[in-house]
């Protein structure tokens, strides 16, 4: 088979682990979140692996566009609440490390020269799901996809720069509602408010997202990279300025009883009982 053909077998760089990477012959790098049993919930192992994948993409000369997908039934359900709750009094340290890696991933996606397409099915929730959505250049969602901020629901705050990027995407009033009231947002609602780029039928998501990535990969790479840089430049400065404060605040809040209560309530599928300490 001609290696320049888009149908040639992809070059598999990472075939096992919580984050997978392959490079298609047409220059599309396909990143897959691979913790389907946990709805691709983010723990430190996945975040470290995802950061390594982003760094490999950054250093790969043939990459012209990036596609991010999630294995299993969900794109990314946010932080792994079971892991978080299991840490007990050590949770603030764990959150500090996890949030640092998440910030590196989000900033890395914004800084990549190739445009980034995320294909969302199931849920995109929490700092992981919403963070990846808000730091991608294009977001395509299946009709049945749902979006949820969720941080304040477990007595924490947004991270991955979402406090800045979400506001830029949907406006201050809508972002305040999303982050403080935690509504479940449908794909059509997300498209209407500007959170995502396109909505497609569920059975066409994979095909349409790859087609978009290939369309971008066929474009003028320097022009697209510099257009991306110009678009993100103003927003990116604000994101990177707020990320350390997000990290510090997240670590402090995760040490409070309310955070443990919020995590327990999510796992037990009940309303939380917050006491303010």
C-alpha atoms as a PDB file:
ATOM      1  CA  UNK A   1       0.000   0.000   0.000  1.00  0.00           C
ATOM      2  CA  UNK A   2       1.266   3.499  -0.843  1.00  0.00           C
ATOM      3  CA  UNK A   3       2.463   5.028   2.488  1.00  0.00           C
ATOM      4  CA  UNK A   4       1.278   8.453   1.364  1.00  0.00           C
ATOM      5  CA  UNK A   5      -2.287   7.200   1.058  1.00  0.00           C
ATOM      6  CA  UNK A   6      -4.684   8.262   3.824  1.00  0.00           C
ATOM      7  CA  UNK A   7      -5.782   4.614   3.970  1.00  0.00           C
ATOM      8  CA  UNK A   8      -2.280   3.347   4.791  1.00  0.00           C
ATOM      9  CA  UNK A   9      -1.872   1.670   8.171  1.00  0.00           C
ATOM     10  CA  UNK A  10      -1.139   4.264  10.868  1.00  0.00           C
ATOM     11  CA  UNK A  11       2.172   4.403  12.695  1.00  0.00           C
ATOM     12  CA  UNK A  12       1.413   3.202  16.221  1.00  0.00           C
ATOM     13  CA  UNK A  13       3.594   5.054  18.728  1.00  0.00           C
ATOM     14  CA  UNK A  14       1.811   4.069  21.964  1.00  0.00           C
ATOM     15  CA  UNK A  15      -0.275   0.902  21.783  1.00  0.00           C
ATOM     16  CA  UNK A  16      -0.897   0.208  25.470  1.00  0.00           C
ATOM     17  CA  UNK A  17      -1.693   2.188  28.582  1.00  0.00           C
ATOM     18  CA  UNK A  18      -4.167   4.874  29.609  1.00  0.00           C
ATOM     19  CA  UNK A  19      -3.436   7.155  26.622  1.00  0.00           C
ATOM     20  CA  UNK A  20      -2.796   5.805  23.115  1.00  0.00           C
ATOM     21  CA  UNK A  21      -1.217   7.470  20.085  1.00  0.00           C
ATOM     22  CA  UNK A  22      -1.038   6.693  16.396  1.00  0.00           C
ATOM     23  CA  UNK A  23      -0.048   8.827  13.424  1.00  0.00           C
ATOM     24  CA  UNK A  24      -1.950   8.415  10.165  1.00  0.00           C
ATOM     25  CA  UNK A  25      -0.156   8.668   6.837  1.00  0.00           C
ATOM     26  CA  UNK A  26      -1.973  11.930   6.072  1.00  0.00           C
ATOM     27  CA  UNK A  27      -0.513  13.597   9.175  1.00  0.00           C
ATOM     28  CA  UNK A  28      -3.440  13.156  11.579  1.00  0.00           C
ATOM     29  CA  UNK A  29      -2.308  12.235  15.096  1.00  0.00           C
ATOM     30  CA  UNK A  30      -5.023  10.244  16.865  1.00  0.00           C
ATOM     31  CA  UNK A  31      -4.941  10.464  20.679  1.00  0.00           C
ATOM     32  CA  UNK A  32      -7.255   8.061  22.527  1.00  0.00           C
ATOM     33  CA  UNK A  33      -8.135   8.206  26.206  1.00  0.00           C
ATOM     34  CA  UNK A  34      -8.044   4.574  27.288  1.00  0.00           C
ATOM     35  CA  UNK A  35      -9.660   4.054  30.703  1.00  0.00           C
ATOM     36  CA  UNK A  36     -13.102   2.979  29.463  1.00  0.00           C
ATOM     37  CA  UNK A  37     -13.903   1.088  32.664  1.00  0.00           C
ATOM     38  CA  UNK A  38     -13.700   4.424  34.527  1.00  0.00           C
ATOM     39  CA  UNK A  39     -15.430   6.535  31.836  1.00  0.00           C
ATOM     40  CA  UNK A  40     -11.928   7.829  31.020  1.00  0.00           C
ATOM     41  CA  UNK A  41     -11.874   9.517  34.408  1.00  0.00           C
ATOM     42  CA  UNK A  42      -8.610  11.308  35.001  1.00  0.00           C
ATOM     43  CA  UNK A  43      -6.165   9.984  37.568  1.00  0.00           C
ATOM     44  CA  UNK A  44      -2.480  10.844  37.776  1.00  0.00           C
ATOM     45  CA  UNK A  45      -1.482   7.847  35.632  1.00  0.00           C
ATOM     46  CA  UNK A  46      -3.744   8.913  32.757  1.00  0.00           C
ATOM     47  CA  UNK A  47      -2.740  12.556  33.081  1.00  0.00           C
ATOM     48  CA  UNK A  48       0.977  11.707  32.980  1.00  0.00           C
ATOM     49  CA  UNK A  49       0.401   9.491  29.953  1.00  0.00           C
ATOM     50  CA  UNK A  50      -1.676  12.164  28.213  1.00  0.00           C
ATOM     51  CA  UNK A  51       1.027  14.754  28.818  1.00  0.00           C
ATOM     52  CA  UNK A  52       3.612  12.403  27.334  1.00  0.00           C
ATOM     53  CA  UNK A  53       1.398  11.858  24.294  1.00  0.00           C
ATOM     54  CA  UNK A  54       0.976  15.607  23.743  1.00  0.00           C
ATOM     55  CA  UNK A  55       4.753  16.071  23.989  1.00  0.00           C
ATOM     56  CA  UNK A  56       5.311  13.306  21.411  1.00  0.00           C
ATOM     57  CA  UNK A  57       2.841  14.976  19.070  1.00  0.00           C
ATOM     58  CA  UNK A  58       4.619  18.290  19.589  1.00  0.00           C
ATOM     59  CA  UNK A  59       7.922  16.771  18.516  1.00  0.00           C
ATOM     60  CA  UNK A  60       6.614  14.747  15.556  1.00  0.00           C
ATOM     61  CA  UNK A  61       7.458  16.483  12.275  1.00  0.00           C
ATOM     62  CA  UNK A  62       4.722  14.755  10.243  1.00  0.00           C
ATOM     63  CA  UNK A  63       1.762  15.753  12.404  1.00  0.00           C
ATOM     64  CA  UNK A  64      -0.538  18.247  10.658  1.00  0.00           C
ATOM     65  CA  UNK A  65      -3.700  17.865  12.788  1.00  0.00           C
ATOM     66  CA  UNK A  66      -4.712  16.147  16.044  1.00  0.00           C
ATOM     67  CA  UNK A  67      -7.831  14.118  16.816  1.00  0.00           C
ATOM     68  CA  UNK A  68      -8.767  13.286  20.437  1.00  0.00           C
ATOM     69  CA  UNK A  69     -11.313  10.582  21.229  1.00  0.00           C
ATOM     70  CA  UNK A  70     -12.298   8.496  24.235  1.00  0.00           C
ATOM     71  CA  UNK A  71     -12.602   4.718  24.381  1.00  0.00           C
ATOM     72  CA  UNK A  72     -15.788   3.146  25.732  1.00  0.00           C
ATOM     73  CA  UNK A  73     -19.097   4.870  26.411  1.00  0.00           C
ATOM     74  CA  UNK A  74     -17.808   8.345  27.356  1.00  0.00           C
ATOM     75  CA  UNK A  75     -15.330  10.892  26.080  1.00  0.00           C
ATOM     76  CA  UNK A  76     -14.132  11.865  29.579  1.00  0.00           C
ATOM     77  CA  UNK A  77     -16.153  11.985  32.791  1.00  0.00           C
ATOM     78  CA  UNK A  78     -13.704  14.341  34.522  1.00  0.00           C
ATOM     79  CA  UNK A  79     -11.600  13.466  37.545  1.00  0.00           C
ATOM     80  CA  UNK A  80     -11.724   9.900  38.843  1.00  0.00           C
ATOM     81  CA  UNK A  81     -13.927  10.472  41.895  1.00  0.00           C
ATOM     82  CA  UNK A  82     -13.306   6.972  43.284  1.00  0.00           C
ATOM     83  CA  UNK A  83      -9.548   7.549  43.245  1.00  0.00           C
ATOM     84  CA  UNK A  84      -9.949  11.012  44.730  1.00  0.00           C
ATOM     85  CA  UNK A  85     -12.097   9.834  47.624  1.00  0.00           C
ATOM     86  CA  UNK A  86      -9.753   6.928  48.374  1.00  0.00           C
ATOM     87  CA  UNK A  87      -6.904   9.348  49.108  1.00  0.00           C
ATOM     88  CA  UNK A  88      -8.490  10.601  52.334  1.00  0.00           C
ATOM     89  CA  UNK A  89      -6.333  13.230  54.034  1.00  0.00           C
ATOM     90  CA  UNK A  90      -3.730  12.913  51.267  1.00  0.00           C
ATOM     91  CA  UNK A  91      -6.217  14.200  48.693  1.00  0.00           C
ATOM     92  CA  UNK A  92      -4.859  17.802  48.609  1.00  0.00           C
ATOM     93  CA  UNK A  93      -1.409  16.571  47.561  1.00  0.00           C
ATOM     94  CA  UNK A  94      -2.897  14.198  44.987  1.00  0.00           C
ATOM     95  CA  UNK A  95      -5.110  16.974  43.584  1.00  0.00           C
ATOM     96  CA  UNK A  96      -2.171  19.369  43.433  1.00  0.00           C
ATOM     97  CA  UNK A  97      -0.162  16.916  41.312  1.00  0.00           C
ATOM     98  CA  UNK A  98      -3.124  15.878  39.144  1.00  0.00           C
ATOM     99  CA  UNK A  99      -4.151  19.474  38.482  1.00  0.00           C
ATOM    100  CA  UNK A 100      -0.584  20.385  37.532  1.00  0.00           C
ATOM    101  CA  UNK A 101      -0.513  17.663  34.876  1.00  0.00           C
ATOM    102  CA  UNK A 102      -3.984  18.630  33.624  1.00  0.00           C
ATOM    103  CA  UNK A 103      -2.817  22.208  33.223  1.00  0.00           C
ATOM    104  CA  UNK A 104       0.239  21.048  31.266  1.00  0.00           C
ATOM    105  CA  UNK A 105      -2.019  19.050  28.954  1.00  0.00           C
ATOM    106  CA  UNK A 106      -4.463  21.926  28.395  1.00  0.00           C
ATOM    107  CA  UNK A 107      -1.678  24.441  27.794  1.00  0.00           C
ATOM    108  CA  UNK A 108       0.099  21.967  25.528  1.00  0.00           C
ATOM    109  CA  UNK A 109      -2.964  21.549  23.318  1.00  0.00           C
ATOM    110  CA  UNK A 110      -3.323  25.318  22.980  1.00  0.00           C
ATOM    111  CA  UNK A 111       0.369  25.698  22.109  1.00  0.00           C
ATOM    112  CA  UNK A 112       0.520  22.866  19.558  1.00  0.00           C
ATOM    113  CA  UNK A 113       1.063  24.082  16.022  1.00  0.00           C
ATOM    114  CA  UNK A 114      -1.378  21.545  14.541  1.00  0.00           C
ATOM    115  CA  UNK A 115      -5.082  22.279  15.110  1.00  0.00           C
ATOM    116  CA  UNK A 116      -6.796  19.995  17.631  1.00  0.00           C
ATOM    117  CA  UNK A 117     -10.179  18.328  17.044  1.00  0.00           C
ATOM    118  CA  UNK A 118     -11.985  16.646  19.957  1.00  0.00           C
ATOM    119  CA  UNK A 119     -14.779  14.170  19.156  1.00  0.00           C
ATOM    120  CA  UNK A 120     -17.202  13.924  22.099  1.00  0.00           C
ATOM    121  CA  UNK A 121     -19.584  11.053  22.772  1.00  0.00           C
ATOM    122  CA  UNK A 122     -21.294  10.217  26.031  1.00  0.00           C
ATOM    123  CA  UNK A 123     -20.224  12.684  28.721  1.00  0.00           C
ATOM    124  CA  UNK A 124     -17.570  15.397  28.696  1.00  0.00           C
ATOM    125  CA  UNK A 125     -17.534  16.439  32.321  1.00  0.00           C
ATOM    126  CA  UNK A 126     -15.407  18.031  34.995  1.00  0.00           C
ATOM    127  CA  UNK A 127     -11.977  19.568  34.584  1.00  0.00           C
ATOM    128  CA  UNK A 128     -10.946  16.690  32.340  1.00  0.00           C
ATOM    129  CA  UNK A 129     -13.827  16.553  29.899  1.00  0.00           C
ATOM    130  CA  UNK A 130     -14.639  20.254  29.858  1.00  0.00           C
ATOM    131  CA  UNK A 131     -10.957  21.139  30.063  1.00  0.00           C
ATOM    132  CA  UNK A 132     -10.150  19.183  26.910  1.00  0.00           C
ATOM    133  CA  UNK A 133     -13.208  20.606  25.146  1.00  0.00           C
ATOM    134  CA  UNK A 134     -12.325  24.192  26.036  1.00  0.00           C
ATOM    135  CA  UNK A 135      -8.665  23.843  25.020  1.00  0.00           C
ATOM    136  CA  UNK A 136      -9.402  22.245  21.627  1.00  0.00           C
ATOM    137  CA  UNK A 137      -9.628  24.255  18.420  1.00  0.00           C
ATOM    138  CA  UNK A 138     -12.615  22.296  17.083  1.00  0.00           C
ATOM    139  CA  UNK A 139     -15.128  20.169  18.981  1.00  0.00           C
ATOM    140  CA  UNK A 140     -17.474  17.775  17.214  1.00  0.00           C
ATOM    141  CA  UNK A 141     -20.160  16.096  19.316  1.00  0.00           C
ATOM    142  CA  UNK A 142     -22.550  13.223  18.811  1.00  0.00           C
ATOM    143  CA  UNK A 143     -26.217  14.165  19.101  1.00  0.00           C
ATOM    144  CA  UNK A 144     -26.502  12.195  22.338  1.00  0.00           C
ATOM    145  CA  UNK A 145     -23.406  13.777  23.927  1.00  0.00           C
ATOM    146  CA  UNK A 146     -23.741  15.694  27.177  1.00  0.00           C
ATOM    147  CA  UNK A 147     -21.570  18.300  28.880  1.00  0.00           C
ATOM    148  CA  UNK A 148     -21.255  19.055  32.610  1.00  0.00           C
ATOM    149  CA  UNK A 149     -18.845  21.288  34.525  1.00  0.00           C
ATOM    150  CA  UNK A 150     -19.347  19.542  37.862  1.00  0.00           C
ATOM    151  CA  UNK A 151     -16.505  21.007  39.949  1.00  0.00           C
ATOM    152  CA  UNK A 152     -18.637  22.955  42.421  1.00  0.00           C
ATOM    153  CA  UNK A 153     -20.900  19.905  42.724  1.00  0.00           C
ATOM    154  CA  UNK A 154     -18.037  18.241  44.631  1.00  0.00           C
ATOM    155  CA  UNK A 155     -17.069  21.448  46.488  1.00  0.00           C
ATOM    156  CA  UNK A 156     -14.122  22.253  44.217  1.00  0.00           C
ATOM    157  CA  UNK A 157     -13.390  24.811  41.490  1.00  0.00           C
ATOM    158  CA  UNK A 158     -12.856  24.629  37.709  1.00  0.00           C
ATOM    159  CA  UNK A 159      -9.349  23.812  36.516  1.00  0.00           C
ATOM    160  CA  UNK A 160      -7.487  23.309  33.219  1.00  0.00           C
ATOM    161  CA  UNK A 161      -7.988  27.039  32.655  1.00  0.00           C
ATOM    162  CA  UNK A 162     -11.742  26.562  32.195  1.00  0.00           C
ATOM    163  CA  UNK A 163     -12.501  29.614  34.339  1.00  0.00           C
ATOM    164  CA  UNK A 164     -11.026  31.653  31.463  1.00  0.00           C
ATOM    165  CA  UNK A 165     -11.607  29.569  28.323  1.00  0.00           C
ATOM    166  CA  UNK A 166     -15.263  28.782  29.022  1.00  0.00           C
ATOM    167  CA  UNK A 167     -15.998  32.448  29.654  1.00  0.00           C
ATOM    168  CA  UNK A 168     -14.393  33.355  26.325  1.00  0.00           C
ATOM    169  CA  UNK A 169     -16.415  30.706  24.510  1.00  0.00           C
ATOM    170  CA  UNK A 170     -19.896  31.287  25.938  1.00  0.00           C
ATOM    171  CA  UNK A 171     -19.746  34.628  27.804  1.00  0.00           C
ATOM    172  CA  UNK A 172     -19.594  35.522  31.485  1.00  0.00           C
ATOM    173  CA  UNK A 173     -23.278  35.062  32.375  1.00  0.00           C
ATOM    174  CA  UNK A 174     -23.572  31.673  30.707  1.00  0.00           C
ATOM    175  CA  UNK A 175     -20.229  30.511  32.125  1.00  0.00           C
ATOM    176  CA  UNK A 176     -21.331  31.532  35.625  1.00  0.00           C
ATOM    177  CA  UNK A 177     -24.492  29.485  35.231  1.00  0.00           C
ATOM    178  CA  UNK A 178     -22.611  26.461  33.887  1.00  0.00           C
ATOM    179  CA  UNK A 179     -19.919  26.510  36.584  1.00  0.00           C
ATOM    180  CA  UNK A 180     -22.102  27.307  39.597  1.00  0.00           C
ATOM    181  CA  UNK A 181     -25.372  25.494  38.810  1.00  0.00           C
ATOM    182  CA  UNK A 182     -23.892  22.508  36.934  1.00  0.00           C
ATOM    183  CA  UNK A 183     -26.651  21.952  34.358  1.00  0.00           C
ATOM    184  CA  UNK A 184     -26.341  18.946  32.070  1.00  0.00           C
ATOM    185  CA  UNK A 185     -25.942  20.517  28.616  1.00  0.00           C
ATOM    186  CA  UNK A 186     -27.101  18.721  25.483  1.00  0.00           C
ATOM    187  CA  UNK A 187     -25.071  18.716  22.296  1.00  0.00           C
ATOM    188  CA  UNK A 188     -27.537  21.022  20.554  1.00  0.00           C
ATOM    189  CA  UNK A 189     -27.466  23.454  23.490  1.00  0.00           C
ATOM    190  CA  UNK A 190     -23.657  23.344  23.505  1.00  0.00           C
ATOM    191  CA  UNK A 191     -23.592  24.181  19.788  1.00  0.00           C
ATOM    192  CA  UNK A 192     -26.073  27.032  20.224  1.00  0.00           C
ATOM    193  CA  UNK A 193     -24.056  28.663  23.013  1.00  0.00           C
ATOM    194  CA  UNK A 194     -20.722  28.319  21.202  1.00  0.00           C
ATOM    195  CA  UNK A 195     -19.165  25.674  23.429  1.00  0.00           C
ATOM    196  CA  UNK A 196     -18.670  23.259  20.518  1.00  0.00           C
ATOM    197  CA  UNK A 197     -18.276  23.478  16.754  1.00  0.00           C
ATOM    198  CA  UNK A 198     -20.601  20.887  15.219  1.00  0.00           C
ATOM    199  CA  UNK A 199     -23.195  18.250  16.120  1.00  0.00           C
ATOM    200  CA  UNK A 200     -23.469  15.055  14.062  1.00  0.00           C
ATOM    201  CA  UNK A 201     -25.501  11.834  14.298  1.00  0.00           C
ATOM    202  CA  UNK A 202     -24.052   9.377  16.783  1.00  0.00           C
ATOM    203  CA  UNK A 203     -23.196   6.789  14.153  1.00  0.00           C
ATOM    204  CA  UNK A 204     -21.269   9.349  12.074  1.00  0.00           C
ATOM    205  CA  UNK A 205     -19.146  10.933  14.818  1.00  0.00           C
ATOM    206  CA  UNK A 206     -15.973   8.938  14.211  1.00  0.00           C
ATOM    207  CA  UNK A 207     -16.158   9.347  10.432  1.00  0.00           C
ATOM    208  CA  UNK A 208     -16.988  13.072  10.497  1.00  0.00           C
ATOM    209  CA  UNK A 209     -14.367  13.921  13.136  1.00  0.00           C
ATOM    210  CA  UNK A 210     -11.628  12.124  11.216  1.00  0.00           C
ATOM    211  CA  UNK A 211     -12.751  13.836   7.996  1.00  0.00           C
ATOM    212  CA  UNK A 212     -12.456  17.239   9.688  1.00  0.00           C
ATOM    213  CA  UNK A 213      -8.995  16.393  11.035  1.00  0.00           C
ATOM    214  CA  UNK A 214      -7.939  15.256   7.549  1.00  0.00           C
ATOM    215  CA  UNK A 215      -9.302  18.454   6.018  1.00  0.00           C
ATOM    216  CA  UNK A 216      -7.183  20.463   8.445  1.00  0.00           C
ATOM    217  CA  UNK A 217      -4.154  18.236   7.820  1.00  0.00           C
ATOM    218  CA  UNK A 218      -4.422  19.035   4.105  1.00  0.00           C
ATOM    219  CA  UNK A 219      -4.317  22.786   4.768  1.00  0.00           C
ATOM    220  CA  UNK A 220      -1.308  25.103   4.747  1.00  0.00           C
ATOM    221  CA  UNK A 221       0.440  24.109   8.004  1.00  0.00           C
ATOM    222  CA  UNK A 222       2.274  27.368   8.692  1.00  0.00           C
ATOM    223  CA  UNK A 223      -0.820  29.452   7.963  1.00  0.00           C
ATOM    224  CA  UNK A 224      -3.021  27.297  10.196  1.00  0.00           C
ATOM    225  CA  UNK A 225      -0.430  27.202  12.988  1.00  0.00           C
ATOM    226  CA  UNK A 226      -0.016  30.967  12.989  1.00  0.00           C
ATOM    227  CA  UNK A 227      -3.760  31.567  12.769  1.00  0.00           C
ATOM    228  CA  UNK A 228      -4.174  29.280  15.787  1.00  0.00           C
ATOM    229  CA  UNK A 229      -1.415  31.160  17.625  1.00  0.00           C
ATOM    230  CA  UNK A 230      -3.066  34.512  16.945  1.00  0.00           C
ATOM    231  CA  UNK A 231      -6.477  33.250  18.066  1.00  0.00           C
ATOM    232  CA  UNK A 232      -5.156  31.788  21.309  1.00  0.00           C
ATOM    233  CA  UNK A 233      -2.588  34.496  22.130  1.00  0.00           C
ATOM    234  CA  UNK A 234      -4.835  36.821  24.097  1.00  0.00           C
ATOM    235  CA  UNK A 235      -6.847  34.038  25.724  1.00  0.00           C
ATOM    236  CA  UNK A 236      -3.760  31.940  26.404  1.00  0.00           C
ATOM    237  CA  UNK A 237      -2.092  34.640  28.477  1.00  0.00           C
ATOM    238  CA  UNK A 238      -5.151  34.821  30.704  1.00  0.00           C
ATOM    239  CA  UNK A 239      -5.371  31.036  30.973  1.00  0.00           C
ATOM    240  CA  UNK A 240      -1.770  30.593  32.039  1.00  0.00           C
ATOM    241  CA  UNK A 241      -2.057  33.445  34.518  1.00  0.00           C
ATOM    242  CA  UNK A 242      -5.059  31.861  36.253  1.00  0.00           C
ATOM    243  CA  UNK A 243      -3.852  28.245  36.247  1.00  0.00           C
ATOM    244  CA  UNK A 244      -1.567  28.511  39.334  1.00  0.00           C
ATOM    245  CA  UNK A 245      -4.425  30.062  41.303  1.00  0.00           C
ATOM    246  CA  UNK A 246      -6.765  27.283  40.153  1.00  0.00           C
ATOM    247  CA  UNK A 247      -4.206  24.714  41.299  1.00  0.00           C
ATOM    248  CA  UNK A 248      -3.694  26.283  44.723  1.00  0.00           C
ATOM    249  CA  UNK A 249      -7.424  26.768  45.311  1.00  0.00           C
ATOM    250  CA  UNK A 250      -8.211  23.220  44.202  1.00  0.00           C
ATOM    251  CA  UNK A 251      -5.666  21.779  46.634  1.00  0.00           C
ATOM    252  CA  UNK A 252      -7.020  23.839  49.547  1.00  0.00           C
ATOM    253  CA  UNK A 253     -10.662  22.975  48.851  1.00  0.00           C
ATOM    254  CA  UNK A 254      -9.922  19.276  48.384  1.00  0.00           C
ATOM    255  CA  UNK A 255      -8.722  19.151  51.974  1.00  0.00           C
ATOM    256  CA  UNK A 256     -12.096  20.269  53.338  1.00  0.00           C
ATOM    257  CA  UNK A 257     -14.847  17.959  54.566  1.00  0.00           C
ATOM    258  CA  UNK A 258     -17.194  19.367  51.920  1.00  0.00           C
ATOM    259  CA  UNK A 259     -15.004  17.972  49.128  1.00  0.00           C
ATOM    260  CA  UNK A 260     -15.069  14.473  50.601  1.00  0.00           C
ATOM    261  CA  UNK A 261     -18.840  14.795  51.059  1.00  0.00           C
ATOM    262  CA  UNK A 262     -19.257  15.944  47.454  1.00  0.00           C
ATOM    263  CA  UNK A 263     -17.231  13.025  46.103  1.00  0.00           C
ATOM    264  CA  UNK A 264     -19.175  10.566  48.252  1.00  0.00           C
ATOM    265  CA  UNK A 265     -22.482  12.031  47.086  1.00  0.00           C
ATOM    266  CA  UNK A 266     -21.517  11.645  43.409  1.00  0.00           C
ATOM    267  CA  UNK A 267     -20.446   8.036  43.923  1.00  0.00           C
ATOM    268  CA  UNK A 268     -23.574   7.231  45.962  1.00  0.00           C
ATOM    269  CA  UNK A 269     -25.853   9.156  43.563  1.00  0.00           C
ATOM    270  CA  UNK A 270     -27.440  11.331  46.246  1.00  0.00           C
ATOM    271  CA  UNK A 271     -27.690  15.030  47.080  1.00  0.00           C
ATOM    272  CA  UNK A 272     -24.668  16.313  49.026  1.00  0.00           C
ATOM    273  CA  UNK A 273     -24.914  17.883  52.475  1.00  0.00           C
ATOM    274  CA  UNK A 274     -22.397  20.718  52.542  1.00  0.00           C
ATOM    275  CA  UNK A 275     -21.505  22.410  55.848  1.00  0.00           C
ATOM    276  CA  UNK A 276     -18.925  24.945  54.723  1.00  0.00           C
ATOM    277  CA  UNK A 277     -15.813  23.387  56.235  1.00  0.00           C
END
